[in-house]
Amino acid sequence: MSLESKPTPLVTVSLGTALVLVTYVTPIVSVPLTAVDLDAGAGSRAWILSSMSVGLAAALLVSGVIGDTIGRRRIYDLGLVLLAAGAVACASAWAPWVVVAGRSVQGVGGAAILACGLSLLAVHFAPGPPRVHATAIWGASVGLGIALGSVTAAAVGEIGTGWRETYAVTAVLCLALLPLGRAVPESRAEEPRPIDAPGLVLLVIGMTLLVSAVTEVRNGLGAVTVGLLVAALVCLAAYGVVEQRVAAPLVEPSLLLRPGFLAATLGSLTLGLSMIGVASFVPTVLQVGLGHGIWTASLVPAVWAVVSVATSLLLRLLPFPIAGPRDISLVLVLVALGQCLGLGLTEDSGVWRLVVMMAVAGIGTGVLNAVLGRESVANVPADRSAMGSGANNTARYLGAAIGITLFVTIATHAGDSLVAGWNIALGVAIGLCLAGAGAIALVGSRMARPEDVATG
């Protein structure tokens, strides 16, 4: 039986990916319950929400590089164990910092699952229709995880208790997925590269400090925030210097000259910056700005996720491929047009305004979930597929961390009401989406050289 005909890698990786997104989304609504139980202040709440992003941003690229070297399935399985361990820590937390630590560990575990899971699909499904099918399912699993996370959050909020149980269930599901992973053949680079330890350490520290600085901005631009930001820039600058001097850098500079790789990376960064912040703030504007209940506040983002799932699944039925900088740019314009439907919101607006906005934006998001993942591994050498996936997801979750903070800050401080602030913040998000689309179109206007053609 050929590798392409075996469903196990696709099932295992898709379920693991969905579980990571459930874990990422659920605290958006459940954090108020956590804060009451643990007596967490505003600063602790911000860290509970963002700590998984810290782990993701720090470990995504690193997980991919290590997976390519010592085994992608091994790192994927380790990710499931870490996701479960972090969930256990959160479920048994007696103080806010324990939840923050547990969520950070979950971020590291989620990074390993996302980076190496997509790479496993690239290895086991050949380019062409088999890989298009696999990445469409993978993209749908991203939306499915967000939808399930939104519904779970609503259920937790409605019951009023049980936030610990959601983490306990996550731990059980992670351990249940481990046996499925045993059936996935191991894969690694045929000629493993030496791991750039200095670059790896500097990147992890730099990304951790950068996302930490973004998190602290929610508490004001104080000395701690400035210190974290300066330290992050120093580490990342040092990382850039080191990468120019080592024989085997984590990401070869030549990859950034490949239009496909650069477009996929910029596309993920733009989607994180411009759409994740919008989706994350929808529950707040519905509850606080428009006076709706928790189920409405949670199910409207679920519409976005469900539409994205359907779009990702239907994408494989198209008679023409969606790939390359031009197509990515056009889909981002579609996301921006969907966001425009949410402008002009007032306290008297109906829920349908946001439902339609999220549905149209969900079409573009669903396409991008599938296409960006596929492009990230198609435009790197075959033995570096986990690195390509890690780099792409790093861009997405770094963008998400910045985008969420930017949207929340503008929406809560601009205008004379939360709804007015929403309109201003949404306008900024649309501008960022269109700017990203323009940058990617500019990248696509370059003629790809023969050496830029992907070998993976």
Protein backbone atom coordinates (compact mmCIF):
# COMPACT_ATOMS: atom_id res chain seq x y z
CA MET A 1 0.00 0.00 0.00
CA SER A 2 1.42 3.40 -0.94
CA LEU A 3 2.02 6.06 1.65
CA GLU A 4 -0.42 8.36 -0.10
CA SER A 5 -3.27 5.85 0.31
CA LYS A 6 -2.86 5.49 4.06
CA PRO A 7 -5.21 7.86 5.92
CA THR A 8 -3.49 7.59 9.31
CA PRO A 9 -1.02 10.50 8.92
CA LEU A 10 -3.79 12.80 7.75
CA VAL A 11 -6.19 11.80 10.52
CA THR A 12 -3.55 12.02 13.24
CA VAL A 13 -2.09 15.33 12.15
CA SER A 14 -5.50 16.93 11.55
CA LEU A 15 -6.82 15.91 14.97
CA GLY A 16 -3.67 17.16 16.67
CA THR A 17 -3.84 20.47 14.83
CA ALA A 18 -7.51 20.94 15.74
CA LEU A 19 -6.71 20.23 19.39
CA VAL A 20 -3.98 22.90 19.42
CA LEU A 21 -6.45 25.48 18.10
CA VAL A 22 -9.12 24.45 20.63
CA THR A 23 -6.56 24.99 23.38
CA TYR A 24 -5.55 28.34 21.90
CA VAL A 25 -9.11 29.71 21.60
CA THR A 26 -10.96 28.45 24.68
CA PRO A 27 -9.49 30.87 27.29
CA ILE A 28 -10.75 33.91 25.36
CA VAL A 29 -14.11 33.44 27.13
CA SER A 30 -13.13 31.21 30.08
CA VAL A 31 -10.44 33.54 31.44
CA PRO A 32 -12.92 35.62 33.51
CA LEU A 33 -13.87 32.44 35.41
CA THR A 34 -10.20 31.59 35.88
CA ALA A 35 -9.50 35.10 37.13
CA VAL A 36 -12.28 34.91 39.74
CA ASP A 37 -11.14 31.52 41.05
CA LEU A 38 -7.47 32.51 41.23
CA ASP A 39 -7.94 36.19 42.15
CA ALA A 40 -6.08 37.28 39.00
CA GLY A 41 -5.78 40.96 38.20
CA ALA A 42 -5.83 42.64 34.78
CA GLY A 43 -2.13 41.99 34.20
CA SER A 44 -2.46 38.30 35.03
CA ARG A 45 -5.48 37.96 32.75
CA ALA A 46 -3.52 39.45 29.86
CA TRP A 47 -0.72 36.97 30.48
CA ILE A 48 -3.09 34.01 30.70
CA LEU A 49 -4.48 34.97 27.28
CA SER A 50 -1.08 35.58 25.67
CA SER A 51 1.22 33.04 27.31
CA MET A 52 0.45 30.32 24.77
CA SER A 53 1.41 32.77 22.02
CA VAL A 54 4.76 33.23 23.76
CA GLY A 55 5.44 29.50 23.60
CA LEU A 56 4.24 29.23 20.01
CA ALA A 57 6.29 32.15 18.71
CA ALA A 58 9.42 30.97 20.53
CA ALA A 59 9.28 27.30 19.51
CA LEU A 60 7.66 27.01 16.07
CA LEU A 61 10.73 27.52 13.90
CA VAL A 62 12.97 25.71 16.37
CA SER A 63 10.62 22.70 16.48
CA GLY A 64 10.70 22.49 12.71
CA VAL A 65 14.48 22.64 12.52
CA ILE A 66 14.92 19.97 15.21
CA GLY A 67 12.21 17.80 13.65
CA ASP A 68 13.98 17.84 10.28
CA THR A 69 17.15 16.71 12.04
CA ILE A 70 16.13 14.08 14.61
CA GLY A 71 12.69 13.02 13.39
CA ARG A 72 9.46 14.84 12.69
CA ARG A 73 7.12 12.27 14.23
CA ARG A 74 9.25 12.15 17.36
CA ILE A 75 8.95 15.91 17.83
CA TYR A 76 5.22 15.78 16.97
CA ASP A 77 4.69 13.15 19.70
CA LEU A 78 6.74 15.23 22.14
CA GLY A 79 4.43 18.14 21.32
CA LEU A 80 1.38 16.09 22.34
CA VAL A 81 3.08 15.20 25.64
CA LEU A 82 3.92 18.86 26.35
CA LEU A 83 0.41 19.99 25.42
CA ALA A 84 -0.96 17.44 27.91
CA ALA A 85 1.56 18.40 30.63
CA GLY A 86 0.70 22.08 30.28
CA ALA A 87 -3.01 21.25 30.47
CA VAL A 88 -2.47 19.27 33.68
CA ALA A 89 -0.60 22.23 35.19
CA CYS A 90 -3.46 24.58 34.29
CA ALA A 91 -6.14 22.20 35.59
CA SER A 92 -4.40 21.97 38.97
CA ALA A 93 -3.33 25.63 39.19
CA TRP A 94 -3.50 27.36 42.59
CA ALA A 95 -2.21 30.74 41.37
CA PRO A 96 -2.30 32.75 38.11
CA TRP A 97 1.40 32.23 37.42
CA VAL A 98 0.84 28.46 37.32
CA VAL A 99 -1.72 28.89 34.53
CA VAL A 100 0.67 31.22 32.68
CA ALA A 101 3.46 28.65 32.98
CA GLY A 102 1.16 25.83 31.88
CA ARG A 103 -0.12 27.81 28.89
CA SER A 104 3.47 28.60 27.89
CA VAL A 105 4.31 24.88 27.94
CA GLN A 106 1.20 24.24 25.87
CA GLY A 107 2.48 26.81 23.38
CA VAL A 108 5.77 24.93 23.02
CA GLY A 109 3.88 21.66 22.58
CA GLY A 110 1.49 23.23 20.09
CA ALA A 111 4.47 24.59 18.13
CA ALA A 112 5.90 21.09 17.74
CA ILE A 113 2.52 19.73 16.59
CA LEU A 114 1.91 22.49 14.05
CA ALA A 115 5.42 22.61 12.61
CA CYS A 116 6.08 18.88 12.33
CA GLY A 117 2.48 17.83 11.63
CA LEU A 118 2.26 19.79 8.38
CA SER A 119 5.74 18.56 7.46
CA LEU A 120 4.65 14.93 7.95
CA LEU A 121 1.84 15.53 5.47
CA ALA A 122 4.29 17.03 2.97
CA VAL A 123 6.47 13.91 3.28
CA HIS A 124 3.65 11.35 3.03
CA PHE A 125 1.60 13.02 0.28
CA ALA A 126 3.22 13.68 -3.08
CA PRO A 127 3.00 17.11 -4.76
CA GLY A 128 -0.09 17.54 -6.86
CA PRO A 129 -3.64 16.34 -6.09
CA PRO A 130 -2.63 14.12 -3.10
CA ARG A 131 -0.94 17.03 -1.31
CA VAL A 132 -3.68 19.49 -2.28
CA HIS A 133 -6.20 17.10 -0.71
CA ALA A 134 -4.09 16.66 2.45
CA THR A 135 -3.40 20.36 3.01
CA ALA A 136 -7.06 21.19 2.38
CA ILE A 137 -8.01 18.82 5.20
CA TRP A 138 -5.23 20.29 7.36
CA GLY A 139 -6.47 23.82 6.69
CA ALA A 140 -10.00 22.71 7.59
CA SER A 141 -8.71 21.29 10.89
CA VAL A 142 -7.42 24.78 11.81
CA GLY A 143 -10.91 26.24 11.38
CA LEU A 144 -12.51 23.23 13.07
CA GLY A 145 -10.34 23.76 16.15
CA ILE A 146 -11.33 27.42 16.35
CA ALA A 147 -15.02 26.55 15.98
CA LEU A 148 -14.88 23.84 18.66
CA GLY A 149 -12.92 26.17 20.93
CA SER A 150 -15.58 28.87 20.57
CA VAL A 151 -18.40 26.44 21.37
CA THR A 152 -16.48 25.01 24.32
CA ALA A 153 -15.84 28.52 25.62
CA ALA A 154 -19.55 29.32 25.38
CA ALA A 155 -20.49 26.15 27.25
CA VAL A 156 -17.98 26.89 30.02
CA GLY A 157 -19.20 30.46 30.31
CA GLU A 158 -22.86 29.41 30.39
CA ILE A 159 -22.34 26.83 33.11
CA GLY A 160 -20.29 29.30 35.12
CA THR A 161 -17.85 26.67 36.37
CA GLY A 162 -15.62 24.04 34.88
CA TRP A 163 -12.68 25.91 33.39
CA ARG A 164 -10.36 23.39 35.05
CA GLU A 165 -12.23 20.52 33.42
CA THR A 166 -11.57 21.92 29.93
CA TYR A 167 -7.83 21.61 30.56
CA ALA A 168 -8.26 18.12 32.02
CA VAL A 169 -10.15 17.00 28.91
CA THR A 170 -7.40 18.48 26.72
CA ALA A 171 -4.79 16.40 28.56
CA VAL A 172 -6.81 13.21 28.08
CA LEU A 173 -7.33 13.89 24.37
CA CYS A 174 -3.60 14.53 23.85
CA LEU A 175 -2.70 11.20 25.42
CA ALA A 176 -5.41 9.46 23.40
CA LEU A 177 -3.82 10.73 20.17
CA LEU A 178 -0.39 9.32 21.00
CA PRO A 179 -1.18 5.72 19.90
CA LEU A 180 -2.40 7.04 16.53
CA GLY A 181 0.97 8.70 16.04
CA ARG A 182 2.70 5.33 16.40
CA ALA A 183 1.23 4.30 13.02
CA VAL A 184 2.81 7.29 11.23
CA PRO A 185 6.18 6.35 9.67
CA GLU A 186 9.07 8.43 10.98
CA SER A 187 10.77 10.86 8.61
CA ARG A 188 13.79 13.15 8.79
CA ALA A 189 16.19 14.82 6.41
CA GLU A 190 18.27 12.31 4.43
CA GLU A 191 21.36 14.34 5.26
CA PRO A 192 20.71 15.94 8.67
CA ARG A 193 22.20 19.40 9.08
CA PRO A 194 24.07 20.43 12.20
CA ILE A 195 21.78 22.37 14.54
CA ASP A 196 22.80 26.01 14.86
CA ALA A 197 22.77 26.11 18.67
CA PRO A 198 23.77 29.81 19.10
CA GLY A 199 21.17 30.94 16.56
CA LEU A 200 18.56 28.67 18.12
CA VAL A 201 19.12 30.07 21.62
CA LEU A 202 19.12 33.69 20.43
CA LEU A 203 15.95 33.18 18.39
CA VAL A 204 14.06 31.51 21.26
CA ILE A 205 15.08 34.24 23.73
CA GLY A 206 14.40 37.04 21.23
CA MET A 207 10.94 35.79 20.23
CA THR A 208 10.00 35.11 23.86
CA LEU A 209 11.01 38.65 24.86
CA LEU A 210 9.26 40.19 21.85
CA VAL A 211 5.88 38.53 22.49
CA SER A 212 6.29 39.24 26.21
CA ALA A 213 6.79 42.92 25.39
CA VAL A 214 3.65 42.86 23.21
CA THR A 215 1.73 41.33 26.12
CA GLU A 216 2.99 43.93 28.59
CA VAL A 217 1.89 46.76 26.28
CA ARG A 218 -1.70 45.96 27.33
CA ASN A 219 -0.75 47.14 30.82
CA GLY A 220 0.78 50.39 29.54
CA LEU A 221 4.05 51.48 27.99
CA GLY A 222 6.15 51.36 31.14
CA ALA A 223 9.75 50.57 31.97
CA VAL A 224 9.15 46.81 31.92
CA THR A 225 7.67 46.93 28.41
CA VAL A 226 10.49 49.10 27.06
CA GLY A 227 13.10 46.88 28.72
CA LEU A 228 11.60 43.73 27.21
CA LEU A 229 11.37 45.33 23.78
CA VAL A 230 14.97 46.57 23.83
CA ALA A 231 16.25 43.19 25.02
CA ALA A 232 14.23 41.45 22.28
CA LEU A 233 15.65 43.69 19.57
CA VAL A 234 19.20 43.13 20.84
CA CYS A 235 18.73 39.34 20.80
CA LEU A 236 17.15 39.33 17.36
CA ALA A 237 19.87 41.60 15.98
CA ALA A 238 22.49 39.26 17.45
CA TYR A 239 20.62 36.34 15.85
CA GLY A 240 20.86 38.07 12.47
CA VAL A 241 24.60 38.53 12.87
CA VAL A 242 25.13 34.92 13.94
CA GLU A 243 23.10 33.55 11.04
CA GLN A 244 25.38 35.31 8.55
CA ARG A 245 28.44 33.61 10.03
CA VAL A 246 27.36 29.98 10.52
CA ALA A 247 27.58 27.28 7.87
CA ALA A 248 24.06 25.95 8.46
CA PRO A 249 21.71 28.79 9.51
CA LEU A 250 18.23 28.01 10.82
CA VAL A 251 16.71 29.72 7.77
CA GLU A 252 18.91 30.16 4.72
CA PRO A 253 18.85 33.79 3.52
CA SER A 254 18.40 32.49 -0.03
CA LEU A 255 14.93 31.24 0.90
CA LEU A 256 13.80 34.81 1.45
CA LEU A 257 14.61 35.43 -2.22
CA ARG A 258 12.07 32.81 -3.30
CA PRO A 259 8.83 34.64 -4.11
CA GLY A 260 6.69 31.67 -3.06
CA PHE A 261 8.30 31.26 0.36
CA LEU A 262 8.34 34.99 1.05
CA ALA A 263 4.72 35.39 -0.07
CA ALA A 264 3.56 32.52 2.16
CA THR A 265 5.42 33.95 5.15
CA LEU A 266 4.11 37.49 4.59
CA GLY A 267 0.63 36.08 4.01
CA SER A 268 0.63 34.32 7.38
CA LEU A 269 1.99 37.42 9.11
CA THR A 270 -0.69 39.58 7.49
CA LEU A 271 -3.50 37.16 8.36
CA GLY A 272 -2.34 37.10 11.98
CA LEU A 273 -2.02 40.89 12.16
CA SER A 274 -5.26 41.79 10.44
CA MET A 275 -7.81 39.04 11.11
CA ILE A 276 -6.99 37.21 14.34
CA GLY A 277 -7.29 40.41 16.36
CA VAL A 278 -10.70 41.12 14.79
CA ALA A 279 -11.99 37.62 15.49
CA SER A 280 -10.67 37.69 19.06
CA PHE A 281 -12.44 40.98 19.84
CA VAL A 282 -15.83 40.06 18.35
CA PRO A 283 -17.03 38.39 21.60
CA THR A 284 -16.17 41.55 23.55
CA VAL A 285 -17.94 43.97 21.23
CA LEU A 286 -21.00 41.70 21.14
CA GLN A 287 -21.25 41.42 24.93
CA VAL A 288 -20.04 44.83 26.09
CA GLY A 289 -20.84 46.98 23.07
CA LEU A 290 -24.09 45.44 21.83
CA GLY A 291 -25.35 43.77 25.01
CA HIS A 292 -25.66 40.18 23.81
CA GLY A 293 -25.16 37.00 25.83
CA ILE A 294 -22.21 34.67 25.93
CA TRP A 295 -23.62 32.16 23.43
CA THR A 296 -24.10 34.82 20.76
CA ALA A 297 -20.67 36.24 21.55
CA SER A 298 -19.04 32.83 21.08
CA LEU A 299 -21.04 31.51 18.14
CA VAL A 300 -20.47 34.49 15.83
CA PRO A 301 -16.69 33.78 15.69
CA ALA A 302 -17.66 30.14 15.22
CA VAL A 303 -19.43 31.17 11.99
CA TRP A 304 -16.07 32.47 10.74
CA ALA A 305 -14.42 29.19 11.67
CA VAL A 306 -17.13 26.94 10.20
CA VAL A 307 -17.14 28.83 6.90
CA SER A 308 -13.35 28.56 6.77
CA VAL A 309 -13.61 24.79 7.33
CA ALA A 310 -16.09 24.39 4.48
CA THR A 311 -13.99 26.57 2.19
CA SER A 312 -10.80 24.64 2.92
CA LEU A 313 -12.56 21.35 2.16
CA LEU A 314 -14.12 22.65 -1.07
CA LEU A 315 -10.82 24.13 -2.25
CA ARG A 316 -9.58 20.74 -3.45
CA LEU A 317 -12.55 20.53 -5.85
CA LEU A 318 -11.55 23.63 -7.81
CA PRO A 319 -10.53 22.89 -11.42
CA PHE A 320 -7.61 25.33 -11.12
CA PRO A 321 -4.90 25.71 -8.46
CA ILE A 322 -4.65 28.62 -6.03
CA ALA A 323 -0.96 29.20 -5.40
CA GLY A 324 1.74 31.84 -5.60
CA PRO A 325 2.00 35.48 -4.54
CA ARG A 326 -0.68 36.85 -6.85
CA ASP A 327 -3.36 34.45 -5.63
CA ILE A 328 -2.42 34.94 -1.97
CA SER A 329 -2.64 38.70 -2.45
CA LEU A 330 -6.09 38.47 -4.04
CA VAL A 331 -7.43 36.27 -1.26
CA LEU A 332 -6.19 38.76 1.35
CA VAL A 333 -8.12 41.47 -0.51
CA LEU A 334 -11.21 39.25 -0.15
CA VAL A 335 -10.59 39.06 3.61
CA ALA A 336 -10.32 42.87 3.74
CA LEU A 337 -13.57 43.26 1.78
CA GLY A 338 -15.30 40.98 4.27
CA GLN A 339 -13.96 43.07 7.14
CA CYS A 340 -15.35 46.21 5.49
CA LEU A 341 -18.85 44.83 6.07
CA GLY A 342 -18.32 45.35 9.80
CA LEU A 343 -17.55 49.07 9.51
CA GLY A 344 -20.09 51.59 10.69
CA LEU A 345 -21.29 49.46 13.60
CA THR A 346 -23.57 51.23 16.10
CA GLU A 347 -25.11 50.25 19.44
CA ASP A 348 -28.36 49.53 17.55
CA SER A 349 -26.79 47.28 14.91
CA GLY A 350 -28.06 43.73 14.60
CA VAL A 351 -25.92 40.66 15.05
CA TRP A 352 -26.29 39.90 11.33
CA ARG A 353 -23.80 42.68 10.51
CA LEU A 354 -21.01 40.81 12.25
CA VAL A 355 -22.25 37.39 11.10
CA VAL A 356 -22.04 38.43 7.44
CA MET A 357 -18.64 40.06 8.00
CA MET A 358 -17.23 36.95 9.64
CA ALA A 359 -18.71 34.64 6.99
CA VAL A 360 -17.18 36.53 4.05
CA ALA A 361 -13.85 36.89 5.85
CA GLY A 362 -14.10 33.17 6.67
CA ILE A 363 -14.10 32.29 2.96
CA GLY A 364 -10.77 34.04 2.50
CA THR A 365 -9.40 32.64 5.75
CA GLY A 366 -10.31 29.09 4.72
CA VAL A 367 -8.49 29.45 1.42
CA LEU A 368 -5.43 30.87 3.15
CA ASN A 369 -5.38 28.19 5.85
CA ALA A 370 -4.91 25.56 3.15
CA VAL A 371 -2.82 27.50 0.64
CA LEU A 372 -0.31 29.09 3.02
CA GLY A 373 0.46 25.76 4.66
CA ARG A 374 0.98 24.08 1.31
CA GLU A 375 3.12 26.92 -0.04
CA SER A 376 5.31 26.97 3.07
CA VAL A 377 6.51 23.42 2.46
CA ALA A 378 6.42 23.51 -1.35
CA ASN A 379 8.92 26.37 -1.57
CA VAL A 380 11.69 24.87 0.56
CA PRO A 381 13.93 21.85 -0.09
CA ALA A 382 12.16 18.58 0.70
CA ASP A 383 14.42 17.80 3.66
CA ARG A 384 13.60 21.18 5.25
CA SER A 385 9.81 20.91 5.17
CA ALA A 386 9.36 21.13 8.96
CA MET A 387 11.51 24.26 9.03
CA GLY A 388 9.33 25.78 6.29
CA SER A 389 6.17 24.95 8.23
CA GLY A 390 7.69 26.30 11.45
CA ALA A 391 8.72 29.58 9.83
CA ASN A 392 5.26 30.05 8.33
CA ASN A 393 3.42 29.38 11.58
CA THR A 394 5.88 31.59 13.49
CA ALA A 395 4.86 34.47 11.23
CA ARG A 396 1.17 33.71 11.80
CA TYR A 397 1.28 33.59 15.60
CA LEU A 398 3.70 36.48 15.96
CA GLY A 399 1.30 38.47 13.80
CA ALA A 400 -1.62 37.25 15.90
CA ALA A 401 0.05 38.32 19.16
CA ILE A 402 0.75 41.79 17.79
CA GLY A 403 -2.61 42.05 16.02
CA ILE A 404 -4.65 41.13 19.10
CA THR A 405 -2.79 43.65 21.26
CA LEU A 406 -3.07 46.38 18.64
CA PHE A 407 -6.81 45.80 18.11
CA VAL A 408 -7.62 45.66 21.83
CA THR A 409 -5.56 48.78 22.55
CA ILE A 410 -7.18 50.84 19.78
CA ALA A 411 -10.72 49.58 20.39
CA THR A 412 -10.62 50.30 24.12
CA HIS A 413 -8.85 53.66 23.96
CA ALA A 414 -10.07 55.30 20.74
CA GLY A 415 -13.52 56.83 20.29
CA ASP A 416 -16.10 57.68 22.92
CA SER A 417 -17.47 54.12 23.23
CA LEU A 418 -16.39 50.55 22.68
CA VAL A 419 -18.40 50.36 19.45
CA ALA A 420 -16.75 53.55 18.15
CA GLY A 421 -13.37 52.11 19.10
CA TRP A 422 -14.29 48.92 17.22
CA ASN A 423 -14.85 50.89 14.00
CA ILE A 424 -11.49 52.64 14.31
CA ALA A 425 -9.61 49.43 15.15
CA LEU A 426 -11.35 47.58 12.30
CA GLY A 427 -10.29 50.32 9.89
CA VAL A 428 -6.68 49.83 10.99
CA ALA A 429 -7.01 46.04 10.55
CA ILE A 430 -8.36 46.51 7.02
CA GLY A 431 -5.46 48.83 6.23
CA LEU A 432 -2.96 46.25 7.48
CA CYS A 433 -4.63 43.52 5.41
CA LEU A 434 -4.52 45.59 2.23
CA ALA A 435 -0.94 46.69 2.92
CA GLY A 436 0.08 43.06 3.30
CA ALA A 437 -1.73 42.15 0.09
CA GLY A 438 0.09 44.96 -1.71
CA ALA A 439 3.48 43.85 -0.39
CA ILE A 440 2.83 40.27 -1.51
CA ALA A 441 1.71 41.45 -4.95
CA LEU A 442 4.98 43.37 -5.20
CA VAL A 443 6.88 40.22 -4.30
CA GLY A 444 4.98 38.36 -7.00
CA SER A 445 5.91 40.93 -9.63
CA ARG A 446 9.50 39.67 -9.47
CA MET A 447 10.37 37.00 -11.99
CA ALA A 448 11.36 33.77 -10.22
CA ARG A 449 14.82 32.61 -11.26
CA PRO A 450 15.44 28.94 -12.04
CA GLU A 451 17.16 28.46 -8.70
CA ASP A 452 14.06 29.86 -7.00
CA VAL A 453 11.91 26.97 -8.14
CA ALA A 454 11.03 24.78 -5.20
CA THR A 455 12.60 21.37 -4.99
CA GLY A 456 10.26 20.18 -2.23
